[in-house]
Amino acid sequence: MDYTEERIYLAAHYMIENGTTVRDTAKAIKSSKSTVHKDVTTRLARCNPALAAQVRRILDTNKAERHIRGGKATCEKYKRLKDGRD
């Protein structure tokens, strides 16, 4: 198994075990989010379609929830500004 394949499986397993976003997975495995996204959406499907399907479910969940995370982040930002912490 070459480095790229190892990275693909590392990212996929990390996402499945932790239910993380592409961004959080990228930080954890010290790779770019673009690379992780390409690995788990395109390259993994060629290597292991069953594993790719598991990751796809997590990606779909994250996509469905992203507006909630964004709203929470914005709310926290304005709370910090109001409290004078930024």
C-alpha atoms as a PDB file:
ATOM      1  CA  MET A   1       0.000   0.000   0.000  1.00  0.00           C
ATOM      2  CA  ASP A   2       1.464   3.363  -0.997  1.00  0.00           C
ATOM      3  CA  TYR A   3       1.307   6.644   0.928  1.00  0.00           C
ATOM      4  CA  THR A   4      -1.784   7.932  -0.889  1.00  0.00           C
ATOM      5  CA  GLU A   5      -3.769   4.785  -0.164  1.00  0.00           C
ATOM      6  CA  GLU A   6      -2.711   4.877   3.491  1.00  0.00           C
ATOM      7  CA  ARG A   7      -3.842   8.511   3.732  1.00  0.00           C
ATOM      8  CA  ILE A   8      -7.196   7.680   2.096  1.00  0.00           C
ATOM      9  CA  TYR A   9      -7.907   4.867   4.550  1.00  0.00           C
ATOM     10  CA  LEU A  10      -6.651   6.901   7.506  1.00  0.00           C
ATOM     11  CA  ALA A  11      -9.035   9.750   6.653  1.00  0.00           C
ATOM     12  CA  ALA A  12     -11.961   7.412   6.023  1.00  0.00           C
ATOM     13  CA  HIS A  13     -11.526   5.473   9.242  1.00  0.00           C
ATOM     14  CA  TYR A  14     -11.025   8.659  11.248  1.00  0.00           C
ATOM     15  CA  MET A  15     -14.253  10.130   9.862  1.00  0.00           C
ATOM     16  CA  ILE A  16     -16.220   6.946  10.528  1.00  0.00           C
ATOM     17  CA  GLU A  17     -14.903   6.442  14.058  1.00  0.00           C
ATOM     18  CA  ASN A  18     -15.304  10.064  15.118  1.00  0.00           C
ATOM     19  CA  GLY A  19     -18.090  11.351  12.871  1.00  0.00           C
ATOM     20  CA  THR A  20     -15.991  14.389  12.055  1.00  0.00           C
ATOM     21  CA  THR A  21     -16.183  16.940   9.293  1.00  0.00           C
ATOM     22  CA  VAL A  22     -13.700  17.090   6.434  1.00  0.00           C
ATOM     23  CA  ARG A  23     -12.093  20.129   8.067  1.00  0.00           C
ATOM     24  CA  ASP A  24     -11.653  18.404  11.440  1.00  0.00           C
ATOM     25  CA  THR A  25     -10.376  15.242   9.768  1.00  0.00           C
ATOM     26  CA  ALA A  26      -7.839  17.264   7.794  1.00  0.00           C
ATOM     27  CA  LYS A  27      -6.529  18.869  10.974  1.00  0.00           C
ATOM     28  CA  ALA A  28      -6.284  15.508  12.715  1.00  0.00           C
ATOM     29  CA  ILE A  29      -4.354  13.772   9.941  1.00  0.00           C
ATOM     30  CA  LYS A  30      -2.343  16.905   9.071  1.00  0.00           C
ATOM     31  CA  SER A  31      -3.515  17.225   5.495  1.00  0.00           C
ATOM     32  CA  SER A  32      -5.433  19.859   3.562  1.00  0.00           C
ATOM     33  CA  LYS A  33      -9.203  19.785   3.560  1.00  0.00           C
ATOM     34  CA  SER A  34      -9.172  19.714  -0.253  1.00  0.00           C
ATOM     35  CA  THR A  35      -7.042  16.583  -0.216  1.00  0.00           C
ATOM     36  CA  VAL A  36      -9.194  14.887   2.409  1.00  0.00           C
ATOM     37  CA  HIS A  37     -12.353  15.725   0.477  1.00  0.00           C
ATOM     38  CA  LYS A  38     -10.894  14.353  -2.775  1.00  0.00           C
ATOM     39  CA  ASP A  39      -9.632  11.261  -0.949  1.00  0.00           C
ATOM     40  CA  VAL A  40     -12.930  10.347   0.695  1.00  0.00           C
ATOM     41  CA  THR A  41     -15.262  11.273  -2.163  1.00  0.00           C
ATOM     42  CA  THR A  42     -13.396  10.172  -5.291  1.00  0.00           C
ATOM     43  CA  ARG A  43     -10.355   8.066  -4.530  1.00  0.00           C
ATOM     44  CA  LEU A  44     -11.953   5.956  -1.792  1.00  0.00           C
ATOM     45  CA  ALA A  45     -14.821   4.971  -4.102  1.00  0.00           C
ATOM     46  CA  ARG A  46     -12.288   3.367  -6.443  1.00  0.00           C
ATOM     47  CA  CYS A  47     -10.397   1.595  -3.630  1.00  0.00           C
ATOM     48  CA  ASN A  48     -13.235   0.463  -1.391  1.00  0.00           C
ATOM     49  CA  PRO A  49     -16.845   1.244  -2.414  1.00  0.00           C
ATOM     50  CA  ALA A  50     -18.341  -0.158   0.813  1.00  0.00           C
ATOM     51  CA  LEU A  51     -16.178   2.088   2.983  1.00  0.00           C
ATOM     52  CA  ALA A  52     -16.936   5.001   0.665  1.00  0.00           C
ATOM     53  CA  ALA A  53     -20.656   4.467   1.283  1.00  0.00           C
ATOM     54  CA  GLN A  54     -20.114   4.709   5.047  1.00  0.00           C
ATOM     55  CA  VAL A  55     -18.158   7.929   4.653  1.00  0.00           C
ATOM     56  CA  ARG A  56     -20.811   9.287   2.270  1.00  0.00           C
ATOM     57  CA  ARG A  57     -23.434   8.939   5.023  1.00  0.00           C
ATOM     58  CA  ILE A  58     -21.271  11.035   7.358  1.00  0.00           C
ATOM     59  CA  LEU A  59     -20.657  13.630   4.646  1.00  0.00           C
ATOM     60  CA  ASP A  60     -24.382  13.836   3.941  1.00  0.00           C
ATOM     61  CA  THR A  61     -25.147  14.290   7.635  1.00  0.00           C
ATOM     62  CA  ASN A  62     -22.514  17.003   7.934  1.00  0.00           C
ATOM     63  CA  LYS A  63     -23.898  18.770   4.891  1.00  0.00           C
ATOM     64  CA  ALA A  64     -27.412  18.677   6.310  1.00  0.00           C
ATOM     65  CA  GLU A  65     -26.184  20.119   9.630  1.00  0.00           C
ATOM     66  CA  ARG A  66     -23.749  22.737   8.375  1.00  0.00           C
ATOM     67  CA  HIS A  67     -26.239  25.601   8.500  1.00  0.00           C
ATOM     68  CA  ILE A  68     -26.737  24.864  12.201  1.00  0.00           C
ATOM     69  CA  ARG A  69     -22.992  24.887  12.919  1.00  0.00           C
ATOM     70  CA  GLY A  70     -22.609  28.117  10.960  1.00  0.00           C
ATOM     71  CA  GLY A  71     -25.433  29.747  12.887  1.00  0.00           C
ATOM     72  CA  LYS A  72     -23.915  28.724  16.207  1.00  0.00           C
ATOM     73  CA  ALA A  73     -20.513  30.091  15.189  1.00  0.00           C
ATOM     74  CA  THR A  74     -22.054  33.420  14.181  1.00  0.00           C
ATOM     75  CA  CYS A  75     -24.008  33.607  17.427  1.00  0.00           C
ATOM     76  CA  GLU A  76     -20.848  32.963  19.469  1.00  0.00           C
ATOM     77  CA  LYS A  77     -18.939  35.581  17.476  1.00  0.00           C
ATOM     78  CA  TYR A  78     -21.465  38.293  18.256  1.00  0.00           C
ATOM     79  CA  LYS A  79     -21.636  37.261  21.915  1.00  0.00           C
ATOM     80  CA  ARG A  80     -17.844  37.702  22.121  1.00  0.00           C
ATOM     81  CA  LEU A  81     -18.073  41.097  20.404  1.00  0.00           C
ATOM     82  CA  LYS A  82     -20.815  42.221  22.772  1.00  0.00           C
ATOM     83  CA  ASP A  83     -18.796  41.131  25.795  1.00  0.00           C
ATOM     84  CA  GLY A  84     -15.727  42.938  24.443  1.00  0.00           C
ATOM     85  CA  ARG A  85     -13.612  39.792  24.105  1.00  0.00           C
ATOM     86  CA  ASP A  86     -12.696  40.420  20.444  1.00  0.00           C
END
